[in-house]
């Protein structure tokens, strides 16, 4: 199994600068513009590899995550995936009782399973890479913050209290990856953020990430409705939808300057 160092083609003792340079050189090969002339299956493979490379980069570029990764790989804790036999039982029980499929059927089923596995793996890696990228920027934005666990969210950074925070509320960044970013996802995120903020009364900015985003009109409509609702609410919550395919963010006009800057940096970091 390839390590993150193998994926980026760097030595285990490579410096942060070497890792960054290697990542930029390799990731460019899998940019959508470079593979758009290929078939859909190759484009999906490119997305999977891009997610793998991005996960490797954000793991190795961070000293803490890199040390943890090195410890886990050196201890050999990784286990090979469990083989699923035709009868659907891991131990292969009752396989003989199942009718033998034809050669054409076996090939078609194998191909279908391959692409289902590819899509599933792509989605998992995309989620992991997107959250790693957002977490990296959260840590940069809030060097000193509380890492609280918030139900319904993947990331949470609540700034340490300061005197001037009492008037406007402490800045609080929340991050969440959803399989489909639509009206329901935005409404659910707002409800969960309001519930979490009931006691802290902070200025909450929710980064809602997805690789499957509804039409701009639908998102804009629900954001506008949310803003009207926020005007009549005691909760200061801003929802920022982000399409991780190109890292474009729909930034509300009343978002804090620091939050707007953070959303802009998602596209360039």
Protein backbone atom coordinates (compact mmCIF):
# COMPACT_ATOMS: atom_id res chain seq x y z
CA UNK A 1 0.00 0.00 0.00
CA UNK A 2 1.36 3.42 -0.94
CA UNK A 3 2.11 5.88 1.80
CA UNK A 4 1.40 9.60 1.60
CA UNK A 5 5.11 10.08 0.92
CA UNK A 6 4.88 7.66 -2.01
CA UNK A 7 1.86 9.49 -3.43
CA UNK A 8 3.69 12.83 -3.36
CA UNK A 9 6.99 11.22 -4.40
CA UNK A 10 8.97 12.72 -1.54
CA UNK A 11 11.27 11.22 1.06
CA UNK A 12 9.96 10.58 4.61
CA UNK A 13 12.26 13.35 5.85
CA UNK A 14 11.18 15.87 3.19
CA UNK A 15 10.80 19.47 4.30
CA UNK A 16 7.50 21.38 4.15
CA UNK A 17 8.80 23.34 1.15
CA UNK A 18 9.66 20.13 -0.71
CA UNK A 19 6.24 18.66 0.06
CA UNK A 20 4.47 21.79 -1.19
CA UNK A 21 6.49 21.86 -4.41
CA UNK A 22 5.91 18.16 -5.09
CA UNK A 23 2.17 18.51 -4.44
CA UNK A 24 1.79 21.45 -6.83
CA UNK A 25 3.64 19.62 -9.60
CA UNK A 26 1.68 16.37 -9.28
CA UNK A 27 -1.80 17.77 -8.62
CA UNK A 28 -1.59 19.84 -11.81
CA UNK A 29 -1.70 16.64 -13.86
CA UNK A 30 -5.16 15.81 -12.55
CA UNK A 31 -6.75 19.24 -12.96
CA UNK A 32 -10.21 19.01 -14.62
CA UNK A 33 -8.94 21.04 -17.58
CA UNK A 34 -6.26 18.40 -18.20
CA UNK A 35 -8.66 15.43 -18.26
CA UNK A 36 -11.85 16.92 -19.71
CA UNK A 37 -11.11 15.33 -23.11
CA UNK A 38 -10.99 11.84 -21.57
CA UNK A 39 -13.90 9.53 -20.80
CA UNK A 40 -16.07 9.85 -17.71
CA UNK A 41 -14.38 6.89 -16.02
CA UNK A 42 -10.95 8.47 -16.38
CA UNK A 43 -12.24 11.79 -15.10
CA UNK A 44 -13.57 10.00 -12.01
CA UNK A 45 -10.20 8.33 -11.54
CA UNK A 46 -8.54 11.75 -11.75
CA UNK A 47 -10.92 13.08 -9.07
CA UNK A 48 -10.05 10.16 -6.80
CA UNK A 49 -6.33 10.70 -7.25
CA UNK A 50 -6.71 14.46 -6.70
CA UNK A 51 -8.52 13.79 -3.42
CA UNK A 52 -5.81 11.31 -2.37
CA UNK A 53 -3.05 13.79 -3.14
CA UNK A 54 -4.85 16.62 -1.35
CA UNK A 55 -5.38 14.47 1.75
CA UNK A 56 -1.72 13.47 1.70
CA UNK A 57 -0.61 17.08 1.33
CA UNK A 58 -2.70 18.52 4.17
CA UNK A 59 -1.62 15.66 6.42
CA UNK A 60 2.12 16.00 5.78
CA UNK A 61 2.23 19.81 5.66
CA UNK A 62 0.90 20.01 9.23
CA UNK A 63 3.52 19.00 11.80
CA UNK A 64 1.03 17.54 14.28
CA UNK A 65 -0.94 15.49 11.75
CA UNK A 66 2.30 14.36 10.10
CA UNK A 67 3.71 13.07 13.38
CA UNK A 68 0.47 11.22 14.10
CA UNK A 69 0.48 9.74 10.59
CA UNK A 70 4.11 8.63 10.93
CA UNK A 71 3.31 6.91 14.21
CA UNK A 72 0.32 5.09 12.75
CA UNK A 73 2.21 3.86 9.68
CA UNK A 74 5.25 2.77 11.66
CA UNK A 75 3.07 0.74 14.04
CA UNK A 76 1.48 -1.11 11.13
CA UNK A 77 -2.10 -0.63 12.36
CA UNK A 78 -3.60 -0.49 8.88
CA UNK A 79 -5.64 -3.56 7.99
CA UNK A 80 -6.34 -4.86 4.47
CA UNK A 81 -9.94 -4.43 3.27
CA UNK A 82 -12.24 -7.36 3.96
CA UNK A 83 -13.08 -9.44 0.92
CA UNK A 84 -16.78 -9.75 0.19
CA UNK A 85 -17.64 -13.06 -1.44
CA UNK A 86 -20.40 -13.55 -4.04
CA UNK A 87 -22.96 -14.69 -1.47
CA UNK A 88 -22.57 -11.40 0.38
CA UNK A 89 -21.08 -13.08 3.46
CA UNK A 90 -17.52 -12.15 4.54
CA UNK A 91 -16.81 -15.80 5.37
CA UNK A 92 -18.11 -17.02 2.01
CA UNK A 93 -20.83 -19.21 3.57
CA UNK A 94 -23.45 -20.65 1.23
CA UNK A 95 -21.50 -19.59 -1.85
CA UNK A 96 -22.03 -22.97 -3.48
CA UNK A 97 -25.80 -22.61 -3.19
CA UNK A 98 -25.84 -19.54 -5.43
CA UNK A 99 -26.34 -20.13 -9.18
CA UNK A 100 -23.21 -19.64 -11.26
CA UNK A 101 -23.51 -16.42 -13.30
CA UNK A 102 -22.68 -16.33 -16.98
CA UNK A 103 -19.34 -14.94 -18.15
CA UNK A 104 -21.04 -11.81 -19.57
CA UNK A 105 -23.00 -11.27 -16.34
CA UNK A 106 -19.89 -11.72 -14.21
CA UNK A 107 -17.96 -9.20 -16.29
CA UNK A 108 -20.80 -6.66 -16.18
CA UNK A 109 -21.26 -7.06 -12.43
CA UNK A 110 -17.52 -6.79 -11.83
CA UNK A 111 -17.35 -3.60 -13.88
CA UNK A 112 -20.36 -2.14 -12.06
CA UNK A 113 -18.85 -3.00 -8.67
CA UNK A 114 -15.57 -1.40 -9.76
CA UNK A 115 -17.21 1.91 -10.60
CA UNK A 116 -19.43 1.83 -7.51
CA UNK A 117 -16.32 1.31 -5.42
CA UNK A 118 -14.56 4.08 -7.34
CA UNK A 119 -17.40 6.55 -6.74
CA UNK A 120 -17.66 5.57 -3.09
CA UNK A 121 -13.93 5.94 -2.61
CA UNK A 122 -13.97 9.26 -4.42
CA UNK A 123 -16.71 10.63 -2.15
CA UNK A 124 -14.90 9.52 1.00
CA UNK A 125 -11.60 10.98 -0.15
CA UNK A 126 -13.26 14.17 -1.36
CA UNK A 127 -14.87 14.69 2.05
CA UNK A 128 -11.62 13.97 3.84
CA UNK A 129 -9.56 16.26 1.62
CA UNK A 130 -12.12 19.10 1.75
CA UNK A 131 -12.32 19.03 5.55
CA UNK A 132 -8.52 18.85 5.85
CA UNK A 133 -8.24 21.95 3.70
CA UNK A 134 -10.84 23.85 5.71
CA UNK A 135 -9.33 22.73 9.03
CA UNK A 136 -5.92 23.99 7.92
CA UNK A 137 -7.37 27.45 7.29
CA UNK A 138 -9.39 27.39 10.52
CA UNK A 139 -6.20 26.73 12.45
CA UNK A 140 -4.47 29.60 10.68
CA UNK A 141 -7.38 31.96 11.34
CA UNK A 142 -7.68 31.10 15.03
CA UNK A 143 -4.22 30.39 16.39
CA UNK A 144 -5.70 30.33 19.90
CA UNK A 145 -9.15 28.79 20.00
CA UNK A 146 -11.33 26.16 21.61
CA UNK A 147 -11.83 22.95 19.65
CA UNK A 148 -15.29 22.06 20.80
CA UNK A 149 -17.30 19.08 19.60
CA UNK A 150 -20.57 20.29 18.08
CA UNK A 151 -23.32 17.82 17.11
CA UNK A 152 -23.95 17.91 13.39
CA UNK A 153 -20.64 19.53 12.44
CA UNK A 154 -17.25 18.16 11.44
CA UNK A 155 -15.15 21.16 12.54
CA UNK A 156 -15.47 23.79 15.25
CA UNK A 157 -13.18 26.65 16.26
CA UNK A 158 -14.40 29.07 18.93
CA UNK A 159 -12.08 32.02 19.55
CA UNK A 160 -10.80 32.60 23.07
CA UNK A 161 -12.80 35.30 24.91
CA UNK A 162 -11.51 38.84 24.84
CA UNK A 163 -12.88 42.08 26.27
CA UNK A 164 -14.22 43.47 22.99
CA UNK A 165 -15.96 40.17 22.17
CA UNK A 166 -18.64 40.89 24.76
CA UNK A 167 -20.34 43.45 22.56
CA UNK A 168 -20.56 41.53 19.29
CA UNK A 169 -20.03 37.93 20.41
CA UNK A 170 -17.03 35.67 20.09
CA UNK A 171 -16.18 34.60 16.52
CA UNK A 172 -17.07 30.94 15.99
CA UNK A 173 -16.23 28.95 12.86
CA UNK A 174 -18.13 25.75 12.08
CA UNK A 175 -17.51 23.40 9.18
CA UNK A 176 -19.63 20.64 7.72
CA UNK A 177 -19.42 18.44 4.62
CA UNK A 178 -22.73 17.29 3.11
CA UNK A 179 -23.34 14.85 0.28
CA UNK A 180 -25.85 17.23 -1.32
CA UNK A 181 -25.84 20.99 -0.72
CA UNK A 182 -29.43 22.05 -1.23
CA UNK A 183 -32.27 23.83 0.56
CA UNK A 184 -32.64 21.07 3.15
CA UNK A 185 -28.90 21.02 3.96
CA UNK A 186 -28.80 24.79 4.51
CA UNK A 187 -31.88 24.76 6.73
CA UNK A 188 -30.56 21.85 8.77
CA UNK A 189 -27.17 23.53 9.24
CA UNK A 190 -28.84 26.73 10.43
CA UNK A 191 -31.01 24.85 12.93
CA UNK A 192 -28.05 22.88 14.28
CA UNK A 193 -25.91 26.03 14.57
CA UNK A 194 -28.68 27.92 16.37
CA UNK A 195 -29.13 25.05 18.81
CA UNK A 196 -25.38 24.90 19.51
CA UNK A 197 -25.18 28.68 19.91
CA UNK A 198 -28.07 29.01 22.32
CA UNK A 199 -25.77 29.24 25.34
CA UNK A 200 -22.58 30.73 23.88
CA UNK A 201 -24.23 33.58 21.93
CA UNK A 202 -21.30 33.82 19.53
CA UNK A 203 -21.02 35.23 16.02
CA UNK A 204 -21.27 31.96 14.07
CA UNK A 205 -20.03 31.43 10.51
CA UNK A 206 -20.92 28.04 9.03
CA UNK A 207 -18.88 26.77 6.07
CA UNK A 208 -21.10 24.23 4.31
CA UNK A 209 -19.02 22.10 1.90
CA UNK A 210 -20.14 19.75 -0.85
CA UNK A 211 -19.17 18.37 -4.24
CA UNK A 212 -22.82 18.22 -5.30
CA UNK A 213 -24.44 21.65 -5.16
CA UNK A 214 -27.99 22.58 -6.15
CA UNK A 215 -28.64 25.36 -8.64
CA UNK A 216 -27.50 28.83 -7.71
CA UNK A 217 -31.07 30.08 -7.72
CA UNK A 218 -32.22 27.50 -5.15
CA UNK A 219 -29.28 28.21 -2.85
CA UNK A 220 -29.68 31.98 -3.20
CA UNK A 221 -33.39 31.71 -2.39
CA UNK A 222 -32.88 29.71 0.79
CA UNK A 223 -29.99 31.96 1.88
CA UNK A 224 -32.21 35.03 1.40
CA UNK A 225 -34.98 33.39 3.45
CA UNK A 226 -32.43 32.52 6.11
CA UNK A 227 -31.22 36.13 6.24
CA UNK A 228 -34.78 37.36 6.80
CA UNK A 229 -35.18 34.80 9.53
CA UNK A 230 -31.88 35.85 11.09
CA UNK A 231 -33.03 39.48 11.25
CA UNK A 232 -35.82 38.39 13.61
CA UNK A 233 -33.63 36.04 15.61
CA UNK A 234 -31.28 36.49 18.55
CA UNK A 235 -28.74 34.22 16.83
CA UNK A 236 -25.97 35.75 14.68
CA UNK A 237 -25.42 32.93 12.17
CA UNK A 238 -24.03 33.24 8.65
CA UNK A 239 -24.17 30.29 6.24
CA UNK A 240 -21.45 30.12 3.57
CA UNK A 241 -22.08 27.41 0.91
CA UNK A 242 -18.87 26.18 -0.76
CA UNK A 243 -18.60 24.05 -3.91
CA UNK A 244 -15.42 22.01 -3.32
CA UNK A 245 -15.10 21.18 -7.02
CA UNK A 246 -13.77 24.68 -7.68
CA UNK A 247 -13.88 26.10 -4.11
CA UNK A 248 -16.24 28.90 -5.04
CA UNK A 249 -18.09 30.25 -2.02
CA UNK A 250 -21.37 32.14 -1.84
CA UNK A 251 -20.37 34.79 0.68
CA UNK A 252 -23.18 36.83 2.25
CA UNK A 253 -22.68 40.58 1.99
CA UNK A 254 -22.91 40.99 5.76
CA UNK A 255 -20.23 38.39 6.55
CA UNK A 256 -17.37 39.59 8.71
CA UNK A 257 -14.30 40.78 6.75
CA UNK A 258 -12.15 38.07 8.33
CA UNK A 259 -14.67 35.42 7.27
CA UNK A 260 -14.83 36.80 3.73
CA UNK A 261 -11.05 36.66 3.58
CA UNK A 262 -11.06 33.08 4.80
CA UNK A 263 -13.59 32.05 2.14
CA UNK A 264 -11.51 33.73 -0.56
CA UNK A 265 -8.39 31.90 0.61
CA UNK A 266 -10.12 28.53 0.14
CA UNK A 267 -9.66 28.97 -3.62
CA UNK A 268 -6.00 29.91 -3.49
CA UNK A 269 -4.50 27.85 -0.65
